[in-house]
Structures are given as C-alpha cells and as structure tokens.
Amino acid sequence: MEILLSILIGISLSATTGFRLFVPLLVLSGCSIAGWVELSPAFAWLGTYPAFTALAVATVFETGAYFIPYLDNLLDAAATPVLVN
C-alpha cells in the first residue's frame, strides 16, 4: 500500500504543477537537504545527495528534451522497451 501511495503522490504532484515527474521530486529533495522539510522515514531517501543528483540529472534531460528534438527521440527510444508489454 505504501508503494502505491508513493506512486500516486508523485503522479499527483507532477500533474498539478504542470511539470514532468522529476521537477516536484527535485524540489522536495532540495528542500529536505536544506532542512526546510522533514520527510517521513519512507521518503527519507529523497533527502540524500545521491537522490538529489539523480533527480537533477533526470530533470536536465527531461527539460532538454523539450528544446532538443534529437534528445527527445533518444529518451523515447530508451523508454520504448518499458512501454511495450
């Protein structure tokens, strides 16, 4: 149940902010590292520097895909095996 709730929170945050998936999580991770937000034990991994770095890289790639068509095609090609059942 906890995993399902985590997934739904992530989808809800990204849908309501109008951003893609990684931007709200990146902001939450940064706020946690700065000490502005206290995370529950289930989300404590978001407050680590490796998680912040991974989310920052993912956000840069996702944002870059909006402006660089070749990067968008590359990301779509990488996601295709996951989408195909």
PDB file of N, CA and C in Angstrom:
ATOM      1  N   MET A   1       0.823  -1.196   0.000  1.00  0.00           N
ATOM      2  CA  MET A   1       0.000   0.000   0.000  1.00  0.00           C
ATOM      3  C   MET A   1       0.864   1.257   0.000  1.00  0.00           C
ATOM      4  N   GLU A   2       2.002   1.179   0.706  1.00  0.00           N
ATOM      5  CA  GLU A   2       2.880   2.340   0.797  1.00  0.00           C
ATOM      6  C   GLU A   2       3.487   2.705  -0.565  1.00  0.00           C
ATOM      7  N   ILE A   3       3.827   1.698  -1.348  1.00  0.00           N
ATOM      8  CA  ILE A   3       4.387   1.947  -2.679  1.00  0.00           C
ATOM      9  C   ILE A   3       3.336   2.578  -3.584  1.00  0.00           C
ATOM     10  N   LEU A   4       2.119   2.077  -3.526  1.00  0.00           N
ATOM     11  CA  LEU A   4       1.035   2.633  -4.335  1.00  0.00           C
ATOM     12  C   LEU A   4       0.791   4.093  -3.970  1.00  0.00           C
ATOM     13  N   LEU A   5       0.801   4.390  -2.675  1.00  0.00           N
ATOM     14  CA  LEU A   5       0.616   5.770  -2.233  1.00  0.00           C
ATOM     15  C   LEU A   5       1.744   6.666  -2.733  1.00  0.00           C
ATOM     16  N   SER A   6       2.969   6.180  -2.696  1.00  0.00           N
ATOM     17  CA  SER A   6       4.119   6.948  -3.191  1.00  0.00           C
ATOM     18  C   SER A   6       3.981   7.252  -4.679  1.00  0.00           C
ATOM     19  N   ILE A   7       3.562   6.261  -5.441  1.00  0.00           N
ATOM     20  CA  ILE A   7       3.382   6.456  -6.886  1.00  0.00           C
ATOM     21  C   ILE A   7       2.276   7.473  -7.155  1.00  0.00           C
ATOM     22  N   LEU A   8       1.172   7.345  -6.446  1.00  0.00           N
ATOM     23  CA  LEU A   8       0.065   8.282  -6.648  1.00  0.00           C
ATOM     24  C   LEU A   8       0.439   9.708  -6.244  1.00  0.00           C
ATOM     25  N   ILE A   9       1.214   9.858  -5.188  1.00  0.00           N
ATOM     26  CA  ILE A   9       1.665  11.195  -4.785  1.00  0.00           C
ATOM     27  C   ILE A   9       2.556  11.804  -5.862  1.00  0.00           C
ATOM     28  N   GLY A  10       3.472  11.016  -6.397  1.00  0.00           N
ATOM     29  CA  GLY A  10       4.354  11.516  -7.456  1.00  0.00           C
ATOM     30  C   GLY A  10       3.587  11.937  -8.696  1.00  0.00           C
ATOM     31  N   ILE A  11       2.640  11.130  -9.113  1.00  0.00           N
ATOM     32  CA  ILE A  11       1.823  11.460 -10.285  1.00  0.00           C
ATOM     33  C   ILE A  11       0.972  12.694 -10.016  1.00  0.00           C
ATOM     34  N   SER A  12       0.394  12.771  -8.828  1.00  0.00           N
ATOM     35  CA  SER A  12      -0.443  13.927  -8.484  1.00  0.00           C
ATOM     36  C   SER A  12       0.363  15.218  -8.456  1.00  0.00           C
ATOM     37  N   LEU A  13       1.546  15.162  -7.868  1.00  0.00           N
ATOM     38  CA  LEU A  13       2.384  16.362  -7.820  1.00  0.00           C
ATOM     39  C   LEU A  13       2.768  16.826  -9.219  1.00  0.00           C
ATOM     40  N   SER A  14       3.169  15.892 -10.061  1.00  0.00           N
ATOM     41  CA  SER A  14       3.580  16.293 -11.407  1.00  0.00           C
ATOM     42  C   SER A  14       2.404  16.789 -12.227  1.00  0.00           C
ATOM     43  N   ALA A  15       1.234  16.207 -12.041  1.00  0.00           N
ATOM     44  CA  ALA A  15       0.061  16.637 -12.800  1.00  0.00           C
ATOM     45  C   ALA A  15      -0.420  18.017 -12.355  1.00  0.00           C
ATOM     46  N   THR A  16      -0.400  18.274 -11.070  1.00  0.00           N
ATOM     47  CA  THR A  16      -0.916  19.557 -10.583  1.00  0.00           C
ATOM     48  C   THR A  16       0.040  20.714 -10.834  1.00  0.00           C
ATOM     49  N   THR A  17       1.327  20.440 -10.900  1.00  0.00           N
ATOM     50  CA  THR A  17       2.268  21.532 -11.141  1.00  0.00           C
ATOM     51  C   THR A  17       2.474  21.810 -12.618  1.00  0.00           C
ATOM     52  N   GLY A  18       2.049  20.900 -13.463  1.00  0.00           N
ATOM     53  CA  GLY A  18       2.224  21.101 -14.898  1.00  0.00           C
ATOM     54  C   GLY A  18       3.611  20.715 -15.373  1.00  0.00           C
ATOM     55  N   PHE A  19       4.451  20.245 -14.492  1.00  0.00           N
ATOM     56  CA  PHE A  19       5.793  19.801 -14.860  1.00  0.00           C
ATOM     57  C   PHE A  19       5.776  18.301 -15.097  1.00  0.00           C
ATOM     58  N   ARG A  20       6.873  17.822 -15.554  1.00  0.00           N
ATOM     59  CA  ARG A  20       7.014  16.387 -15.669  1.00  0.00           C
ATOM     60  C   ARG A  20       7.346  15.809 -14.305  1.00  0.00           C
ATOM     61  N   LEU A  21       7.570  14.560 -14.242  1.00  0.00           N
ATOM     62  CA  LEU A  21       7.657  13.831 -12.989  1.00  0.00           C
ATOM     63  C   LEU A  21       8.798  14.271 -12.078  1.00  0.00           C
ATOM     64  N   PHE A  22       9.949  14.606 -12.596  1.00  0.00           N
ATOM     65  CA  PHE A  22      11.123  14.784 -11.752  1.00  0.00           C
ATOM     66  C   PHE A  22      11.222  16.149 -11.095  1.00  0.00           C
ATOM     67  N   VAL A  23      10.598  17.165 -11.616  1.00  0.00           N
ATOM     68  CA  VAL A  23      10.744  18.516 -11.065  1.00  0.00           C
ATOM     69  C   VAL A  23      10.190  18.628  -9.640  1.00  0.00           C
ATOM     70  N   PRO A  24       8.967  18.192  -9.362  1.00  0.00           N
ATOM     71  CA  PRO A  24       8.488  18.286  -7.974  1.00  0.00           C
ATOM     72  C   PRO A  24       9.330  17.471  -6.993  1.00  0.00           C
ATOM     73  N   LEU A  25       9.787  16.296  -7.417  1.00  0.00           N
ATOM     74  CA  LEU A  25      10.626  15.487  -6.542  1.00  0.00           C
ATOM     75  C   LEU A  25      11.985  16.139  -6.318  1.00  0.00           C
ATOM     76  N   LEU A  26      12.515  16.800  -7.337  1.00  0.00           N
ATOM     77  CA  LEU A  26      13.783  17.516  -7.189  1.00  0.00           C
ATOM     78  C   LEU A  26      13.638  18.655  -6.185  1.00  0.00           C
ATOM     79  N   VAL A  27      12.554  19.392  -6.271  1.00  0.00           N
ATOM     80  CA  VAL A  27      12.311  20.494  -5.335  1.00  0.00           C
ATOM     81  C   VAL A  27      12.147  19.956  -3.918  1.00  0.00           C
ATOM     82  N   LEU A  28      11.408  18.884  -3.761  1.00  0.00           N
ATOM     83  CA  LEU A  28      11.226  18.276  -2.443  1.00  0.00           C
ATOM     84  C   LEU A  28      12.557  17.785  -1.884  1.00  0.00           C
ATOM     85  N   SER A  29      13.378  17.189  -2.716  1.00  0.00           N
ATOM     86  CA  SER A  29      14.683  16.722  -2.284  1.00  0.00           C
ATOM     87  C   SER A  29      15.569  17.885  -1.848  1.00  0.00           C
ATOM     88  N   GLY A  30      15.571  18.953  -2.627  1.00  0.00           N
ATOM     89  CA  GLY A  30      16.358  20.130  -2.268  1.00  0.00           C
ATOM     90  C   GLY A  30      15.893  20.769  -0.973  1.00  0.00           C
ATOM     91  N   CYS A  31      14.589  20.833  -0.792  1.00  0.00           N
ATOM     92  CA  CYS A  31      14.044  21.397   0.448  1.00  0.00           C
ATOM     93  C   CYS A  31      14.397  20.531   1.647  1.00  0.00           C
ATOM     94  N   SER A  32      14.415  19.234   1.459  1.00  0.00           N
ATOM     95  CA  SER A  32      14.778  18.334   2.544  1.00  0.00           C
ATOM     96  C   SER A  32      16.250  18.480   2.913  1.00  0.00           C
ATOM     97  N   ILE A  33      17.110  18.584   1.917  1.00  0.00           N
ATOM     98  CA  ILE A  33      18.541  18.752   2.175  1.00  0.00           C
ATOM     99  C   ILE A  33      18.803  20.086   2.873  1.00  0.00           C
ATOM    100  N   ALA A  34      18.058  21.126   2.493  1.00  0.00           N
ATOM    101  CA  ALA A  34      18.226  22.442   3.112  1.00  0.00           C
ATOM    102  C   ALA A  34      17.635  22.498   4.520  1.00  0.00           C
ATOM    103  N   GLY A  35      16.853  21.485   4.894  1.00  0.00           N
ATOM    104  CA  GLY A  35      16.272  21.450   6.222  1.00  0.00           C
ATOM    105  C   GLY A  35      14.931  22.148   6.335  1.00  0.00           C
ATOM    106  N   TRP A  36      14.308  22.457   5.218  1.00  0.00           N
ATOM    107  CA  TRP A  36      13.021  23.149   5.222  1.00  0.00           C
ATOM    108  C   TRP A  36      11.848  22.193   5.360  1.00  0.00           C
ATOM    109  N   VAL A  37      12.070  20.928   5.000  1.00  0.00           N
ATOM    110  CA  VAL A  37      11.004  19.922   5.036  1.00  0.00           C
ATOM    111  C   VAL A  37      11.538  18.693   5.766  1.00  0.00           C
ATOM    112  N   GLU A  38      10.729  18.149   6.660  1.00  0.00           N
ATOM    113  CA  GLU A  38      11.099  16.906   7.321  1.00  0.00           C
ATOM    114  C   GLU A  38      10.318  15.770   6.667  1.00  0.00           C
ATOM    115  N   LEU A  39      11.047  14.806   6.138  1.00  0.00           N
ATOM    116  CA  LEU A  39      10.426  13.699   5.421  1.00  0.00           C
ATOM    117  C   LEU A  39      10.136  12.534   6.365  1.00  0.00           C
ATOM    118  N   SER A  40       9.093  11.787   6.044  1.00  0.00           N
ATOM    119  CA  SER A  40       8.791  10.586   6.814  1.00  0.00           C
ATOM    120  C   SER A  40       9.860   9.537   6.512  1.00  0.00           C
ATOM    121  N   PRO A  41       9.986   8.537   7.361  1.00  0.00           N
ATOM    122  CA  PRO A  41      11.010   7.507   7.115  1.00  0.00           C
ATOM    123  C   PRO A  41      10.886   6.825   5.752  1.00  0.00           C
ATOM    124  N   ALA A  42       9.678   6.702   5.232  1.00  0.00           N
ATOM    125  CA  ALA A  42       9.502   6.059   3.929  1.00  0.00           C
ATOM    126  C   ALA A  42      10.067   6.905   2.785  1.00  0.00           C
ATOM    127  N   PHE A  43      10.126   8.217   2.976  1.00  0.00           N
ATOM    128  CA  PHE A  43      10.633   9.116   1.945  1.00  0.00           C
ATOM    129  C   PHE A  43      12.008   9.682   2.298  1.00  0.00           C
ATOM    130  N   ALA A  44      12.660   9.140   3.313  1.00  0.00           N
ATOM    131  CA  ALA A  44      13.952   9.664   3.758  1.00  0.00           C
ATOM    132  C   ALA A  44      15.014   9.607   2.663  1.00  0.00           C
ATOM    133  N   TRP A  45      14.880   8.681   1.738  1.00  0.00           N
ATOM    134  CA  TRP A  45      15.855   8.563   0.649  1.00  0.00           C
ATOM    135  C   TRP A  45      15.867   9.809  -0.229  1.00  0.00           C
ATOM    136  N   LEU A  46      14.755  10.551  -0.270  1.00  0.00           N
ATOM    137  CA  LEU A  46      14.718  11.778  -1.068  1.00  0.00           C
ATOM    138  C   LEU A  46      15.630  12.859  -0.504  1.00  0.00           C
ATOM    139  N   GLY A  47      15.946  12.785   0.774  1.00  0.00           N
ATOM    140  CA  GLY A  47      16.778  13.787   1.414  1.00  0.00           C
ATOM    141  C   GLY A  47      18.257  13.499   1.346  1.00  0.00           C
ATOM    142  N   THR A  48      18.671  12.623   0.449  1.00  0.00           N
ATOM    143  CA  THR A  48      20.089  12.294   0.311  1.00  0.00           C
ATOM    144  C   THR A  48      20.675  12.972  -0.929  1.00  0.00           C
ATOM    145  N   TYR A  49      21.988  13.176  -0.903  1.00  0.00           N
ATOM    146  CA  TYR A  49      22.646  13.809  -2.046  1.00  0.00           C
ATOM    147  C   TYR A  49      22.630  12.937  -3.308  1.00  0.00           C
ATOM    148  N   PRO A  50      22.772  11.612  -3.208  1.00  0.00           N
ATOM    149  CA  PRO A  50      22.652  10.804  -4.432  1.00  0.00           C
ATOM    150  C   PRO A  50      21.282  10.928  -5.093  1.00  0.00           C
ATOM    151  N   ALA A  51      20.219  10.958  -4.289  1.00  0.00           N
ATOM    152  CA  ALA A  51      18.878  11.121  -4.854  1.00  0.00           C
ATOM    153  C   ALA A  51      18.737  12.490  -5.503  1.00  0.00           C
ATOM    154  N   PHE A  52      19.261  13.528  -4.841  1.00  0.00           N
ATOM    155  CA  PHE A  52      19.194  14.874  -5.408  1.00  0.00           C
ATOM    156  C   PHE A  52      19.939  14.948  -6.735  1.00  0.00           C
ATOM    157  N   THR A  53      21.118  14.328  -6.783  1.00  0.00           N
ATOM    158  CA  THR A  53      21.910  14.332  -8.017  1.00  0.00           C
ATOM    159  C   THR A  53      21.194  13.594  -9.136  1.00  0.00           C
ATOM    160  N   ALA A  54      20.645  12.430  -8.831  1.00  0.00           N
ATOM    161  CA  ALA A  54      19.927  11.654  -9.860  1.00  0.00           C
ATOM    162  C   ALA A  54      18.703  12.410 -10.361  1.00  0.00           C
ATOM    163  N   LEU A  55      17.965  13.045  -9.460  1.00  0.00           N
ATOM    164  CA  LEU A  55      16.788  13.811  -9.869  1.00  0.00           C
ATOM    165  C   LEU A  55      17.183  15.044 -10.681  1.00  0.00           C
ATOM    166  N   ALA A  56      18.299  15.674 -10.332  1.00  0.00           N
ATOM    167  CA  ALA A  56      18.765  16.842 -11.087  1.00  0.00           C
ATOM    168  C   ALA A  56      19.162  16.450 -12.510  1.00  0.00           C
ATOM    169  N   VAL A  57      19.864  15.350 -12.642  1.00  0.00           N
ATOM    170  CA  VAL A  57      20.259  14.876 -13.978  1.00  0.00           C
ATOM    171  C   VAL A  57      19.022  14.518 -14.796  1.00  0.00           C
ATOM    172  N   ALA A  58      18.077  13.814 -14.184  1.00  0.00           N
ATOM    173  CA  ALA A  58      16.851  13.443 -14.888  1.00  0.00           C
ATOM    174  C   ALA A  58      16.058  14.679 -15.307  1.00  0.00           C
ATOM    175  N   THR A  59      16.027  15.701 -14.446  1.00  0.00           N
ATOM    176  CA  THR A  59      15.312  16.935 -14.772  1.00  0.00           C
ATOM    177  C   THR A  59      15.975  17.656 -15.937  1.00  0.00           C
ATOM    178  N   VAL A  60      17.304  17.684 -15.952  1.00  0.00           N
ATOM    179  CA  VAL A  60      18.019  18.333 -17.063  1.00  0.00           C
ATOM    180  C   VAL A  60      17.721  17.616 -18.375  1.00  0.00           C
ATOM    181  N   PHE A  61      17.747  16.290 -18.351  1.00  0.00           N
ATOM    182  CA  PHE A  61      17.438  15.537 -19.572  1.00  0.00           C
ATOM    183  C   PHE A  61      16.000  15.762 -20.019  1.00  0.00           C
ATOM    184  N   GLU A  62      15.078  15.762 -19.073  1.00  0.00           N
ATOM    185  CA  GLU A  62      13.681  15.950 -19.429  1.00  0.00           C
ATOM    186  C   GLU A  62      13.420  17.352 -19.962  1.00  0.00           C
ATOM    187  N   THR A  63      14.030  18.345 -19.344  1.00  0.00           N
ATOM    188  CA  THR A  63      13.867  19.722 -19.814  1.00  0.00           C
ATOM    189  C   THR A  63      14.544  19.906 -21.172  1.00  0.00           C
ATOM    190  N   GLY A  64      15.714  19.307 -21.322  1.00  0.00           N
ATOM    191  CA  GLY A  64      16.418  19.391 -22.598  1.00  0.00           C
ATOM    192  C   GLY A  64      15.659  18.745 -23.731  1.00  0.00           C
ATOM    193  N   ALA A  65      14.869  17.732 -23.411  1.00  0.00           N
ATOM    194  CA  ALA A  65      14.089  17.053 -24.453  1.00  0.00           C
ATOM    195  C   ALA A  65      13.043  17.975 -25.063  1.00  0.00           C
ATOM    196  N   TYR A  66      12.604  18.976 -24.316  1.00  0.00           N
ATOM    197  CA  TYR A  66      11.650  19.939 -24.876  1.00  0.00           C
ATOM    198  C   TYR A  66      12.297  20.817 -25.944  1.00  0.00           C
ATOM    199  N   PHE A  67      13.594  21.063 -25.795  1.00  0.00           N
ATOM    200  CA  PHE A  67      14.269  22.008 -26.685  1.00  0.00           C
ATOM    201  C   PHE A  67      15.140  21.349 -27.735  1.00  0.00           C
ATOM    202  N   ILE A  68      15.543  20.108 -27.521  1.00  0.00           N
ATOM    203  CA  ILE A  68      16.420  19.403 -28.458  1.00  0.00           C
ATOM    204  C   ILE A  68      15.679  18.173 -28.975  1.00  0.00           C
ATOM    205  N   PRO A  69      15.211  18.219 -30.213  1.00  0.00           N
ATOM    206  CA  PRO A  69      14.411  17.111 -30.741  1.00  0.00           C
ATOM    207  C   PRO A  69      15.138  15.765 -30.720  1.00  0.00           C
ATOM    208  N   TYR A  70      16.442  15.762 -30.995  1.00  0.00           N
ATOM    209  CA  TYR A  70      17.180  14.500 -31.002  1.00  0.00           C
ATOM    210  C   TYR A  70      17.224  13.864 -29.616  1.00  0.00           C
ATOM    211  N   LEU A  71      17.342  14.682 -28.590  1.00  0.00           N
ATOM    212  CA  LEU A  71      17.329  14.171 -27.225  1.00  0.00           C
ATOM    213  C   LEU A  71      15.960  13.589 -26.886  1.00  0.00           C
ATOM    214  N   ASP A  72      14.914  14.225 -27.364  1.00  0.00           N
ATOM    215  CA  ASP A  72      13.561  13.699 -27.157  1.00  0.00           C
ATOM    216  C   ASP A  72      13.412  12.332 -27.804  1.00  0.00           C
ATOM    217  N   ASN A  73      13.905  12.190 -29.025  1.00  0.00           N
ATOM    218  CA  ASN A  73      13.836  10.899 -29.708  1.00  0.00           C
ATOM    219  C   ASN A  73      14.660   9.837 -28.976  1.00  0.00           C
ATOM    220  N   LEU A  74      15.821  10.233 -28.450  1.00  0.00           N
ATOM    221  CA  LEU A  74      16.665   9.301 -27.716  1.00  0.00           C
ATOM    222  C   LEU A  74      15.971   8.823 -26.438  1.00  0.00           C
ATOM    223  N   LEU A  75      15.357   9.735 -25.707  1.00  0.00           N
ATOM    224  CA  LEU A  75      14.645   9.362 -24.490  1.00  0.00           C
ATOM    225  C   LEU A  75      13.425   8.491 -24.799  1.00  0.00           C
ATOM    226  N   ASP A  76      12.728   8.796 -25.890  1.00  0.00           N
ATOM    227  CA  ASP A  76      11.591   7.961 -26.295  1.00  0.00           C
ATOM    228  C   ASP A  76      12.051   6.555 -26.672  1.00  0.00           C
ATOM    229  N   ALA A  77      13.185   6.469 -27.367  1.00  0.00           N
ATOM    230  CA  ALA A  77      13.712   5.159 -27.750  1.00  0.00           C
ATOM    231  C   ALA A  77      14.131   4.366 -26.508  1.00  0.00           C
ATOM    232  N   ALA A  78      14.689   5.045 -25.515  1.00  0.00           N
ATOM    233  CA  ALA A  78      15.090   4.356 -24.301  1.00  0.00           C
ATOM    234  C   ALA A  78      13.877   3.889 -23.500  1.00  0.00           C
ATOM    235  N   ALA A  79      12.790   4.604 -23.574  1.00  0.00           N
ATOM    236  CA  ALA A  79      11.586   4.246 -22.812  1.00  0.00           C
ATOM    237  C   ALA A  79      10.722   3.207 -23.520  1.00  0.00           C
ATOM    238  N   THR A  80      10.942   2.971 -24.799  1.00  0.00           N
ATOM    239  CA  THR A  80      10.099   2.055 -25.555  1.00  0.00           C
ATOM    240  C   THR A  80      10.077   0.632 -24.983  1.00  0.00           C
ATOM    241  N   PRO A  81      11.210   0.050 -24.611  1.00  0.00           N
ATOM    242  CA  PRO A  81      11.139  -1.313 -24.045  1.00  0.00           C
ATOM    243  C   PRO A  81      10.293  -1.397 -22.772  1.00  0.00           C
ATOM    244  N   VAL A  82      10.232  -0.337 -22.023  1.00  0.00           N
ATOM    245  CA  VAL A  82       9.439  -0.331 -20.790  1.00  0.00           C
ATOM    246  C   VAL A  82       7.963  -0.255 -21.123  1.00  0.00           C
ATOM    247  N   LEU A  83       7.615   0.457 -22.187  1.00  0.00           N
ATOM    248  CA  LEU A  83       6.226   0.650 -22.549  1.00  0.00           C
ATOM    249  C   LEU A  83       5.596  -0.556 -23.214  1.00  0.00           C
ATOM    250  N   VAL A  84       6.395  -1.337 -23.898  1.00  0.00           N
ATOM    251  CA  VAL A  84       5.896  -2.500 -24.627  1.00  0.00           C
ATOM    252  C   VAL A  84       5.747  -3.656 -23.649  1.00  0.00           C
ATOM    253  N   ASN A  85       4.586  -4.257 -23.652  1.00  0.00           N
ATOM    254  CA  ASN A  85       4.364  -5.373 -22.726  1.00  0.00           C
ATOM    255  C   ASN A  85       4.958  -6.612 -23.270  1.00  0.00           C
TER     256      ASN A  85
END
